[in-house]
Amino acid sequence: ILVGDELLVDGVPVQVRGIEVGTDRRVDSAPSRDIRTLWTVRFDQVTVKFSINMGHRTKAGSQMASPDEEFTVGELVQVAGVTAVIHRIKTWDRTLQRGSAEARDIRRIYGKAVRG
C-alpha cells in the first residue's frame, strides 16, 4: 500500500494519507502485513481551493467537488459570489496554464474576476 492510494472502506472511498509500521514509524509504502496504522481521509468529495484576482485584491474561496470532476483553464466558475475565468491550475506536481485536471489532483485554482 502506498500513500496516495485510493481504497474502499465499508463502501466509502478513502485516500491513504499516512502509513505507520512498527513502533509508530511513518513510511511512504509498506506491505499490508507490516502496517500498524493506516491514516485515511474520506474521498467521495474533495475541497478545491481558489484564489480569484480582483484587480488590487485577491479573494480566496473553495468549493466541494467529486474527485473525478474536471476543471479546465479558460472555464468560467462561480466562487465565493464572484464569477471568474480560470487562468492557472496548480496540481501536486506541476502548474497548468492550459488544459484540465481532475479535482483529486488539484492543489489550488487561480482565476481572474470577470464582469457581468
N, C-alpha and C. Protein backbone atom coordinates (compact mmCIF):
# COMPACT_ATOMS: atom_id res chain seq x y z
N ILE A 1 0.85 -1.18 0.00
CA ILE A 1 0.00 0.00 0.00
C ILE A 1 0.90 1.23 0.00
N LEU A 2 0.50 2.25 -0.78
CA LEU A 2 1.27 3.49 -0.91
C LEU A 2 0.46 4.68 -0.41
N VAL A 3 1.14 5.70 0.12
CA VAL A 3 0.49 6.96 0.43
C VAL A 3 -0.06 7.50 -0.89
N GLY A 4 -1.32 7.92 -0.88
CA GLY A 4 -1.97 8.41 -2.10
C GLY A 4 -2.90 7.38 -2.73
N ASP A 5 -2.77 6.10 -2.33
CA ASP A 5 -3.66 5.07 -2.85
C ASP A 5 -5.11 5.37 -2.46
N GLU A 6 -6.04 4.95 -3.31
CA GLU A 6 -7.46 5.10 -3.03
C GLU A 6 -8.04 3.72 -2.73
N LEU A 7 -8.76 3.61 -1.62
CA LEU A 7 -9.33 2.34 -1.18
C LEU A 7 -10.82 2.52 -0.87
N LEU A 8 -11.55 1.41 -0.77
CA LEU A 8 -12.93 1.43 -0.31
C LEU A 8 -12.98 0.86 1.10
N VAL A 9 -13.57 1.60 2.03
CA VAL A 9 -13.74 1.14 3.40
C VAL A 9 -15.23 1.21 3.70
N ASP A 10 -15.85 0.06 3.92
CA ASP A 10 -17.29 -0.01 4.14
C ASP A 10 -18.07 0.72 3.05
N GLY A 11 -17.61 0.59 1.80
CA GLY A 11 -18.29 1.19 0.66
C GLY A 11 -18.01 2.67 0.45
N VAL A 12 -17.16 3.26 1.29
CA VAL A 12 -16.83 4.69 1.18
C VAL A 12 -15.42 4.83 0.64
N PRO A 13 -15.22 5.62 -0.43
CA PRO A 13 -13.86 5.81 -0.95
C PRO A 13 -13.02 6.66 0.02
N VAL A 14 -11.80 6.20 0.27
CA VAL A 14 -10.86 6.93 1.12
C VAL A 14 -9.51 6.99 0.41
N GLN A 15 -8.70 7.97 0.79
CA GLN A 15 -7.35 8.09 0.25
C GLN A 15 -6.37 7.94 1.40
N VAL A 16 -5.31 7.14 1.18
CA VAL A 16 -4.29 6.92 2.20
C VAL A 16 -3.43 8.18 2.31
N ARG A 17 -3.33 8.74 3.53
CA ARG A 17 -2.53 9.93 3.76
C ARG A 17 -1.29 9.63 4.59
N GLY A 18 -1.30 8.50 5.31
CA GLY A 18 -0.15 8.14 6.12
C GLY A 18 -0.15 6.66 6.44
N ILE A 19 1.05 6.09 6.58
CA ILE A 19 1.21 4.67 6.91
C ILE A 19 2.19 4.57 8.07
N GLU A 20 1.78 3.86 9.13
CA GLU A 20 2.66 3.63 10.27
C GLU A 20 2.97 2.14 10.36
N VAL A 21 4.24 1.83 10.56
CA VAL A 21 4.68 0.45 10.76
C VAL A 21 5.46 0.39 12.07
N GLY A 22 5.61 -0.82 12.60
CA GLY A 22 6.42 -1.00 13.81
C GLY A 22 5.97 -0.12 14.95
N THR A 23 6.91 0.60 15.54
CA THR A 23 6.60 1.45 16.68
C THR A 23 6.34 2.88 16.23
N ASP A 24 5.22 3.07 15.54
CA ASP A 24 4.76 4.38 15.09
C ASP A 24 5.72 5.08 14.13
N ARG A 25 6.45 4.32 13.34
CA ARG A 25 7.34 4.90 12.34
C ARG A 25 6.55 5.11 11.05
N ARG A 26 6.57 6.34 10.51
CA ARG A 26 5.84 6.67 9.28
C ARG A 26 6.68 6.34 8.06
N VAL A 27 6.03 5.72 7.06
CA VAL A 27 6.70 5.37 5.81
C VAL A 27 5.77 5.75 4.65
N ASP A 28 6.33 5.77 3.43
CA ASP A 28 5.54 6.10 2.24
C ASP A 28 4.85 4.89 1.63
N SER A 29 5.35 3.69 1.94
CA SER A 29 4.73 2.47 1.43
C SER A 29 5.12 1.30 2.33
N ALA A 30 4.27 0.27 2.33
CA ALA A 30 4.56 -0.93 3.12
C ALA A 30 3.62 -2.04 2.68
N PRO A 31 4.08 -3.31 2.80
CA PRO A 31 3.16 -4.42 2.56
C PRO A 31 2.09 -4.42 3.67
N SER A 32 0.89 -4.83 3.34
CA SER A 32 -0.22 -4.76 4.29
C SER A 32 0.07 -5.50 5.60
N ARG A 33 0.83 -6.58 5.54
CA ARG A 33 1.11 -7.36 6.77
C ARG A 33 1.95 -6.57 7.78
N ASP A 34 2.70 -5.55 7.31
CA ASP A 34 3.57 -4.77 8.20
C ASP A 34 2.92 -3.50 8.73
N ILE A 35 1.74 -3.16 8.23
CA ILE A 35 1.09 -1.89 8.59
C ILE A 35 0.42 -2.01 9.95
N ARG A 36 0.76 -1.04 10.83
CA ARG A 36 0.14 -0.98 12.15
C ARG A 36 -1.05 -0.03 12.13
N THR A 37 -0.88 1.14 11.49
CA THR A 37 -1.95 2.14 11.40
C THR A 37 -1.97 2.72 9.99
N LEU A 38 -3.17 2.87 9.46
CA LEU A 38 -3.36 3.47 8.14
C LEU A 38 -4.19 4.74 8.34
N TRP A 39 -3.61 5.89 8.00
CA TRP A 39 -4.31 7.17 8.12
C TRP A 39 -4.96 7.49 6.78
N THR A 40 -6.27 7.71 6.80
CA THR A 40 -7.00 7.96 5.56
C THR A 40 -7.93 9.16 5.72
N VAL A 41 -8.36 9.69 4.60
CA VAL A 41 -9.40 10.72 4.60
C VAL A 41 -10.49 10.29 3.62
N ARG A 42 -11.71 10.64 3.96
CA ARG A 42 -12.84 10.34 3.09
C ARG A 42 -12.61 11.02 1.75
N PHE A 43 -12.96 10.33 0.67
CA PHE A 43 -12.58 10.82 -0.65
C PHE A 43 -13.73 10.82 -1.64
N ASP A 44 -14.99 10.85 -1.14
CA ASP A 44 -16.11 10.92 -2.07
C ASP A 44 -16.36 12.36 -2.51
N GLN A 45 -15.85 13.32 -1.76
CA GLN A 45 -15.87 14.74 -2.10
C GLN A 45 -14.52 15.32 -1.71
N VAL A 46 -14.01 16.24 -2.51
CA VAL A 46 -12.76 16.92 -2.18
C VAL A 46 -13.02 18.43 -2.19
N THR A 47 -12.23 19.15 -1.43
CA THR A 47 -12.32 20.61 -1.42
C THR A 47 -11.34 21.16 -2.43
N VAL A 48 -11.84 21.94 -3.37
CA VAL A 48 -10.99 22.60 -4.36
C VAL A 48 -10.85 24.05 -3.93
N LYS A 49 -9.61 24.50 -3.72
CA LYS A 49 -9.35 25.86 -3.27
C LYS A 49 -9.13 26.78 -4.47
N PHE A 50 -9.61 28.01 -4.34
CA PHE A 50 -9.50 29.01 -5.39
C PHE A 50 -8.87 30.29 -4.85
N SER A 51 -8.12 30.98 -5.69
CA SER A 51 -7.67 32.35 -5.46
C SER A 51 -8.12 33.15 -6.67
N ILE A 52 -9.00 34.13 -6.42
CA ILE A 52 -9.58 34.92 -7.50
C ILE A 52 -9.00 36.34 -7.44
N ASN A 53 -8.31 36.75 -8.50
CA ASN A 53 -7.73 38.07 -8.59
C ASN A 53 -8.81 39.06 -9.00
N MET A 54 -8.97 40.11 -8.19
CA MET A 54 -9.99 41.12 -8.44
C MET A 54 -9.33 42.50 -8.55
N GLY A 55 -8.31 42.58 -9.38
CA GLY A 55 -7.59 43.85 -9.52
C GLY A 55 -6.54 44.00 -8.45
N HIS A 56 -6.81 44.89 -7.48
CA HIS A 56 -5.83 45.16 -6.42
C HIS A 56 -5.95 44.22 -5.22
N ARG A 57 -6.91 43.33 -5.25
CA ARG A 57 -7.02 42.37 -4.14
C ARG A 57 -7.37 40.99 -4.67
N THR A 58 -7.09 40.01 -3.85
CA THR A 58 -7.36 38.62 -4.21
C THR A 58 -8.31 38.04 -3.19
N LYS A 59 -9.32 37.34 -3.67
CA LYS A 59 -10.32 36.73 -2.79
C LYS A 59 -10.13 35.22 -2.81
N ALA A 60 -10.07 34.62 -1.63
CA ALA A 60 -9.93 33.17 -1.53
C ALA A 60 -11.31 32.55 -1.38
N GLY A 61 -11.44 31.34 -1.89
CA GLY A 61 -12.69 30.62 -1.77
C GLY A 61 -12.45 29.14 -2.01
N SER A 62 -13.49 28.37 -1.84
CA SER A 62 -13.38 26.93 -2.09
C SER A 62 -14.75 26.40 -2.47
N GLN A 63 -14.75 25.22 -3.07
CA GLN A 63 -16.00 24.53 -3.36
C GLN A 63 -15.75 23.03 -3.31
N MET A 64 -16.79 22.30 -2.99
CA MET A 64 -16.71 20.85 -2.95
C MET A 64 -16.93 20.31 -4.36
N ALA A 65 -16.20 19.23 -4.68
CA ALA A 65 -16.32 18.62 -6.00
C ALA A 65 -16.10 17.12 -5.87
N SER A 66 -16.62 16.39 -6.82
CA SER A 66 -16.33 14.97 -6.93
C SER A 66 -14.86 14.83 -7.32
N PRO A 67 -14.13 13.82 -6.82
CA PRO A 67 -12.72 13.67 -7.18
C PRO A 67 -12.49 13.58 -8.69
N ASP A 68 -13.47 13.07 -9.44
CA ASP A 68 -13.33 12.92 -10.89
C ASP A 68 -13.72 14.16 -11.68
N GLU A 69 -14.29 15.16 -11.02
CA GLU A 69 -14.72 16.38 -11.73
C GLU A 69 -13.52 17.11 -12.30
N GLU A 70 -13.64 17.51 -13.56
CA GLU A 70 -12.53 18.20 -14.23
C GLU A 70 -12.74 19.71 -14.23
N PHE A 71 -11.64 20.42 -14.03
CA PHE A 71 -11.62 21.87 -14.15
C PHE A 71 -10.66 22.20 -15.28
N THR A 72 -11.02 23.18 -16.12
CA THR A 72 -10.26 23.49 -17.32
C THR A 72 -9.86 24.96 -17.35
N VAL A 73 -8.61 25.22 -17.75
CA VAL A 73 -8.15 26.59 -17.93
C VAL A 73 -9.05 27.24 -18.99
N GLY A 74 -9.54 28.44 -18.70
CA GLY A 74 -10.45 29.14 -19.60
C GLY A 74 -11.91 28.99 -19.22
N GLU A 75 -12.22 28.04 -18.34
CA GLU A 75 -13.59 27.78 -17.90
C GLU A 75 -14.05 28.87 -16.93
N LEU A 76 -15.34 29.23 -17.01
CA LEU A 76 -15.93 30.17 -16.06
C LEU A 76 -16.42 29.40 -14.84
N VAL A 77 -16.14 29.93 -13.64
CA VAL A 77 -16.59 29.32 -12.40
C VAL A 77 -17.19 30.40 -11.51
N GLN A 78 -18.07 29.97 -10.62
CA GLN A 78 -18.67 30.86 -9.63
C GLN A 78 -18.13 30.44 -8.27
N VAL A 79 -17.33 31.32 -7.64
CA VAL A 79 -16.71 31.00 -6.35
C VAL A 79 -16.86 32.19 -5.41
N ALA A 80 -17.33 31.94 -4.22
CA ALA A 80 -17.47 32.97 -3.18
C ALA A 80 -18.21 34.20 -3.71
N GLY A 81 -19.24 33.97 -4.52
CA GLY A 81 -20.05 35.06 -5.05
C GLY A 81 -19.43 35.84 -6.19
N VAL A 82 -18.33 35.33 -6.73
CA VAL A 82 -17.62 36.02 -7.82
C VAL A 82 -17.56 35.09 -9.03
N THR A 83 -17.85 35.62 -10.22
CA THR A 83 -17.67 34.86 -11.46
C THR A 83 -16.26 35.12 -11.94
N ALA A 84 -15.53 34.04 -12.23
CA ALA A 84 -14.13 34.17 -12.63
C ALA A 84 -13.81 33.20 -13.75
N VAL A 85 -12.77 33.54 -14.50
CA VAL A 85 -12.25 32.64 -15.52
C VAL A 85 -10.97 32.02 -14.97
N ILE A 86 -10.85 30.71 -15.09
CA ILE A 86 -9.66 30.00 -14.61
C ILE A 86 -8.49 30.33 -15.53
N HIS A 87 -7.37 30.79 -14.96
CA HIS A 87 -6.20 31.06 -15.80
C HIS A 87 -5.01 30.19 -15.44
N ARG A 88 -5.06 29.50 -14.30
CA ARG A 88 -3.97 28.60 -13.94
C ARG A 88 -4.49 27.56 -12.95
N ILE A 89 -4.02 26.32 -13.09
CA ILE A 89 -4.38 25.24 -12.17
C ILE A 89 -3.09 24.66 -11.61
N LYS A 90 -2.94 24.71 -10.29
CA LYS A 90 -1.76 24.13 -9.65
C LYS A 90 -2.13 22.75 -9.14
N THR A 91 -1.43 21.74 -9.63
CA THR A 91 -1.64 20.37 -9.16
C THR A 91 -0.53 20.06 -8.17
N TRP A 92 -0.51 18.83 -7.67
CA TRP A 92 0.50 18.45 -6.68
C TRP A 92 1.90 18.40 -7.28
N ASP A 93 2.01 18.28 -8.61
CA ASP A 93 3.36 18.16 -9.19
C ASP A 93 3.68 19.15 -10.31
N ARG A 94 2.71 19.99 -10.72
CA ARG A 94 3.00 20.96 -11.78
C ARG A 94 1.92 22.04 -11.81
N THR A 95 2.17 23.07 -12.63
CA THR A 95 1.21 24.15 -12.82
C THR A 95 0.78 24.16 -14.28
N LEU A 96 -0.53 24.14 -14.50
CA LEU A 96 -1.09 24.12 -15.86
C LEU A 96 -1.54 25.51 -16.25
N GLN A 97 -1.12 25.97 -17.43
CA GLN A 97 -1.61 27.23 -17.97
C GLN A 97 -2.55 26.98 -19.15
N ARG A 98 -2.73 25.71 -19.50
CA ARG A 98 -3.74 25.28 -20.46
C ARG A 98 -4.05 23.81 -20.15
N GLY A 99 -5.21 23.38 -20.60
CA GLY A 99 -5.61 22.01 -20.33
C GLY A 99 -6.51 21.92 -19.11
N SER A 100 -6.62 20.71 -18.56
CA SER A 100 -7.52 20.48 -17.43
C SER A 100 -6.91 19.49 -16.45
N ALA A 101 -7.53 19.42 -15.28
CA ALA A 101 -7.09 18.48 -14.25
C ALA A 101 -8.31 18.04 -13.44
N GLU A 102 -8.23 16.84 -12.90
CA GLU A 102 -9.30 16.33 -12.04
C GLU A 102 -9.15 16.94 -10.65
N ALA A 103 -10.28 17.12 -9.98
CA ALA A 103 -10.29 17.74 -8.65
C ALA A 103 -9.35 17.02 -7.68
N ARG A 104 -9.23 15.70 -7.78
CA ARG A 104 -8.37 14.93 -6.88
C ARG A 104 -6.90 15.36 -6.97
N ASP A 105 -6.50 15.91 -8.12
CA ASP A 105 -5.10 16.27 -8.34
C ASP A 105 -4.82 17.75 -8.11
N ILE A 106 -5.84 18.53 -7.84
CA ILE A 106 -5.69 19.99 -7.78
C ILE A 106 -5.33 20.45 -6.37
N ARG A 107 -4.32 21.30 -6.31
CA ARG A 107 -3.91 21.92 -5.06
C ARG A 107 -4.60 23.28 -4.90
N ARG A 108 -4.65 24.06 -5.98
CA ARG A 108 -5.32 25.36 -5.99
C ARG A 108 -5.58 25.79 -7.43
N ILE A 109 -6.69 26.51 -7.62
CA ILE A 109 -7.03 27.08 -8.92
C ILE A 109 -6.94 28.60 -8.81
N TYR A 110 -6.31 29.22 -9.80
CA TYR A 110 -6.17 30.67 -9.85
C TYR A 110 -7.06 31.21 -10.96
N GLY A 111 -7.79 32.26 -10.65
CA GLY A 111 -8.68 32.84 -11.64
C GLY A 111 -8.68 34.35 -11.59
N LYS A 112 -9.31 34.96 -12.59
CA LYS A 112 -9.47 36.41 -12.65
C LYS A 112 -10.96 36.71 -12.72
N ALA A 113 -11.40 37.64 -11.89
CA ALA A 113 -12.81 38.02 -11.86
C ALA A 113 -13.21 38.62 -13.20
N VAL A 114 -14.44 38.30 -13.61
CA VAL A 114 -14.99 38.87 -14.84
C VAL A 114 -16.24 39.66 -14.47
N ARG A 115 -16.53 40.66 -15.26
CA ARG A 115 -17.72 41.48 -15.01
C ARG A 115 -18.90 40.90 -15.76
N GLY A 116 -20.06 41.08 -15.17
CA GLY A 116 -21.25 40.66 -15.89
C GLY A 116 -21.94 39.64 -15.19
